[in-house]
Protein backbone atom coordinates (compact mmCIF):
# COMPACT_ATOMS: atom_id res chain seq x y z
CA MET A 1 -0.03 0.04 -0.02
CA LYS A 2 2.77 2.50 0.78
CA LEU A 3 4.99 0.86 -1.92
CA ASP A 4 3.40 3.23 -4.71
CA ILE A 5 4.22 6.25 -2.72
CA PHE A 6 7.86 5.05 -2.04
CA LEU A 7 8.39 4.22 -5.69
CA ASN A 8 7.03 7.68 -6.77
CA LYS A 9 9.33 9.44 -4.24
CA SER A 10 12.32 7.38 -5.54
CA ALA A 11 11.43 8.14 -9.10
CA ASN A 12 11.10 11.84 -8.20
CA LEU A 13 14.49 11.83 -6.46
CA THR A 14 16.14 10.09 -9.31
CA ALA A 15 14.61 12.55 -11.78
CA GLU A 16 15.69 15.54 -9.56
CA ASN A 17 19.14 13.97 -9.29
CA ARG A 18 19.42 13.77 -13.19
CA LEU A 19 18.39 17.34 -13.36
CA LEU A 20 20.88 18.47 -10.83
CA LYS A 21 23.58 16.66 -12.76
CA LEU A 22 22.51 18.29 -15.92
CA PHE A 23 22.61 21.82 -14.44
CA MET A 24 26.20 20.96 -12.85
CA LEU A 25 27.35 19.98 -16.36
CA VAL A 26 25.89 23.13 -17.82
CA ILE A 27 27.57 25.31 -15.16
CA GLY A 28 30.83 23.52 -15.44
CA SER A 29 30.85 23.87 -19.39
CA LEU A 30 30.12 27.55 -18.87
CA VAL A 31 32.93 28.04 -16.61
CA LEU A 32 35.40 26.19 -18.85
CA ILE A 33 34.11 28.34 -21.83
CA ASN A 34 34.65 31.49 -19.79
CA THR A 35 38.12 30.47 -18.75
CA VAL A 36 39.12 29.61 -22.29
CA SER A 37 37.79 32.90 -23.50
CA LEU A 38 39.49 35.01 -20.72
CA TYR A 39 42.85 33.24 -21.64
CA LEU A 40 42.53 33.96 -25.29
CA ILE A 41 41.55 37.55 -24.70
CA SER A 42 44.60 38.12 -22.42
CA LYS A 43 46.91 36.65 -25.06
CA ASN A 44 45.42 38.54 -27.94
CA SER A 45 44.81 41.91 -26.39
CA ARG A 46 47.06 44.85 -27.31
CA THR A 47 48.27 47.69 -25.25
CA ILE A 48 49.16 50.76 -27.19
CA LEU A 49 51.43 53.38 -25.47
CA VAL A 50 52.51 56.72 -26.69
CA PRO A 51 54.38 58.26 -23.82
CA PRO A 52 55.84 61.76 -24.48
CA SER A 53 59.49 60.49 -24.76
CA LEU A 54 58.46 58.04 -27.63
CA SER A 55 58.35 59.17 -31.18
CA ALA A 56 56.32 56.28 -32.46
CA LYS A 57 53.56 54.26 -31.22
CA VAL A 58 54.43 50.93 -29.72
CA GLU A 59 52.38 47.71 -29.42
CA ILE A 60 52.63 45.12 -26.75
CA ALA A 61 50.51 41.98 -26.89
CA GLY A 62 51.29 39.20 -24.43
CA ASP A 63 54.85 38.08 -25.05
CA ARG A 64 55.18 39.89 -28.33
CA ALA A 65 56.22 43.72 -28.86
CA SER A 66 56.75 45.96 -31.70
CA ASP A 67 60.29 46.80 -32.83
CA ALA A 68 59.72 50.41 -31.68
CA TYR A 69 59.33 49.25 -28.10
CA ILE A 70 62.17 46.97 -28.08
CA ARG A 71 64.37 49.79 -29.62
CA GLU A 72 63.30 52.34 -26.99
CA PHE A 73 63.98 49.97 -24.20
CA THR A 74 67.29 49.05 -25.74
CA ARG A 75 68.29 52.76 -25.92
CA TYR A 76 67.09 53.13 -22.32
CA ALA A 77 69.10 50.10 -20.99
CA ALA A 78 72.27 51.04 -23.02
CA GLY A 79 72.08 54.56 -21.63
CA LEU A 80 72.02 53.25 -18.06
CA VAL A 81 74.68 50.57 -18.55
CA LEU A 82 76.96 52.19 -21.12
CA ASN A 83 76.97 55.94 -20.23
CA TYR A 84 78.33 56.55 -16.74
CA THR A 85 80.62 58.52 -14.46
CA PRO A 86 82.07 57.48 -11.19
CA ALA A 87 79.20 59.56 -9.43
CA THR A 88 76.38 58.21 -11.32
CA ALA A 89 77.31 54.58 -12.06
CA ARG A 90 75.89 52.76 -8.88
CA ALA A 91 72.52 54.60 -9.23
CA GLN A 92 72.30 53.89 -12.94
CA PHE A 93 73.16 50.37 -12.42
CA GLU A 94 70.50 49.92 -9.68
CA GLU A 95 67.96 51.33 -12.21
CA ALA A 96 69.14 48.99 -14.96
CA LEU A 97 68.78 45.99 -12.57
CA THR A 98 64.98 46.63 -12.52
CA LEU A 99 65.03 45.63 -16.26
CA TYR A 100 66.60 42.25 -15.49
CA ALA A 101 64.42 39.05 -15.53
CA PRO A 102 64.30 37.41 -11.98
CA GLU A 103 66.49 34.46 -13.01
CA SER A 104 69.24 36.76 -14.57
CA TYR A 105 69.38 39.25 -11.77
CA PRO A 106 72.10 37.70 -9.71
CA GLU A 107 74.43 37.45 -12.65
CA GLY A 108 73.64 40.91 -13.81
CA ARG A 109 73.92 42.35 -10.17
CA ALA A 110 77.38 40.78 -9.83
CA MET A 111 78.56 41.99 -13.22
CA LEU A 112 77.28 45.64 -12.85
CA TYR A 113 78.57 45.75 -9.08
CA ASP A 114 82.04 44.81 -10.15
CA LEU A 115 81.99 47.37 -12.99
CA ALA A 116 80.86 49.95 -10.55
CA GLU A 117 83.79 49.19 -8.15
CA THR A 118 86.21 49.33 -11.16
CA ILE A 119 84.77 52.57 -12.18
CA GLU A 120 85.12 54.16 -8.79
CA GLN A 121 88.57 52.89 -8.39
CA THR A 122 89.84 53.97 -11.71
CA ASN A 123 87.74 57.13 -11.94
CA THR A 124 86.42 56.07 -15.35
CA THR A 125 83.77 57.94 -17.48
CA ASN A 126 82.30 56.26 -20.38
CA ALA A 127 80.20 57.45 -23.36
CA PHE A 128 78.61 55.09 -25.89
CA PHE A 129 77.11 56.48 -29.12
CA ILE A 130 74.70 53.97 -30.77
CA GLN A 131 75.02 53.60 -34.32
CA LYS A 132 73.06 50.44 -35.15
CA ILE A 133 70.30 48.30 -33.35
CA GLU A 134 69.60 44.98 -34.94
CA ILE A 135 66.55 42.88 -33.53
CA ASP A 136 66.32 39.21 -33.94
CA ASP A 137 62.74 38.44 -32.90
CA LYS A 138 63.05 34.74 -33.38
CA GLY A 139 66.14 34.40 -30.98
CA SER A 140 65.18 37.25 -28.80
CA ILE A 141 68.55 38.90 -29.35
CA ILE A 142 69.53 42.49 -29.76
CA GLU A 143 72.73 43.56 -31.29
CA LEU A 144 73.78 46.93 -30.28
CA ALA A 145 76.74 48.55 -32.19
CA GLY A 146 78.34 51.81 -31.70
CA LEU A 147 81.36 53.91 -30.74
CA THR A 148 82.66 54.31 -27.21
CA ARG A 149 84.87 56.78 -25.76
CA GLN A 150 86.44 56.59 -22.15
CA PHE A 151 87.88 59.12 -19.91
CA ILE A 152 90.22 57.56 -17.36
CA ARG A 153 91.61 60.00 -14.74
CA ASP A 154 91.17 62.89 -17.27
CA LYS A 155 92.91 61.04 -20.13
CA GLN A 156 90.77 60.61 -23.15
CA THR A 157 90.73 57.50 -25.14
CA GLU A 158 90.14 57.43 -28.87
CA PHE A 159 86.78 56.35 -30.21
CA LYS A 160 86.44 52.56 -30.32
CA GLY A 161 84.05 50.49 -32.14
CA ALA A 162 82.02 48.24 -29.71
CA SER A 163 79.24 45.80 -30.07
CA TYR A 164 77.08 44.35 -27.43
CA LEU A 165 74.46 41.51 -27.27
CA ILE A 166 71.30 41.71 -25.26
CA ARG A 167 69.22 38.67 -24.74
CA TYR A 168 65.65 39.67 -23.81
CA ARG A 169 62.08 38.48 -23.35
CA ILE A 170 58.77 39.99 -23.16
CA GLU A 171 56.61 38.77 -20.35
CA ASN A 172 53.36 40.08 -19.31
CA ALA A 173 54.01 43.18 -21.71
CA ARG A 174 57.32 43.85 -19.78
CA PHE A 175 60.71 44.04 -21.36
CA MET A 176 63.15 41.93 -19.42
CA ILE A 177 66.84 41.58 -20.02
CA THR A 178 68.15 38.10 -19.60
CA GLU A 179 71.74 38.82 -20.70
CA PHE A 180 73.82 41.94 -21.42
CA LEU A 181 77.33 41.12 -22.73
CA LEU A 182 80.09 42.51 -24.93
CA LYS A 183 79.91 40.71 -28.36
CA PRO A 184 82.92 38.58 -28.92
CA LYS A 185 85.09 39.65 -31.89
CA ASP A 186 84.64 37.40 -34.92
C-alpha cells in the first residue's frame, strides 16, 4: 500500500538528481568556456602606448612587442649601462637592474657591481654612441653597435667600435633583460 508512494518518491528523487547533474554539467561547461575565453583575450589583447618620450606608437601583446618598443628599451638600457661617471654609475646600475629578469638578476647584479667598483677605483667615465640596433625576434637577441669613448683620470681614449648583445624576453607586456654582454670579436 505504501509501496506506490515510495516508488514515486524514489522516481522523483532520481529525476531530480538527473536534473541537478544536468545543471552541474551546464555550469561546468560555462565556466570552462569562460576560462578559455579569458585566456585567449588576455593573450590577444594589445596595449598601445604613446608616452611623451616616444616618437612612434608601440604595441605590446602578451609576449610580443613591436620593434619600436624594443628599440626604445634598448636605448634606455644602453644609456643606463654604457654611459656613466663614477658619481652616477651605482645609481644607474641599480635602475638598470630593474629591467633584468628574475633568474638573470644575480648575474647581472654581480657584473654591474663589479663594474661600478672598477669605475670608482679607476675614476672612469664612459660614453657610448649607438650607431645600429639589430633585433632578432626569433632568438630574442638585440645586437647593439656603436662607438665608445672613455675618460680615465682625465685622459681621453680614442673612439673605439664596440658591439653588445642583449638577450631579452617580453613577459606580461614587460621588457626583461636576460643577458647583457660584450659581443665577442669574430
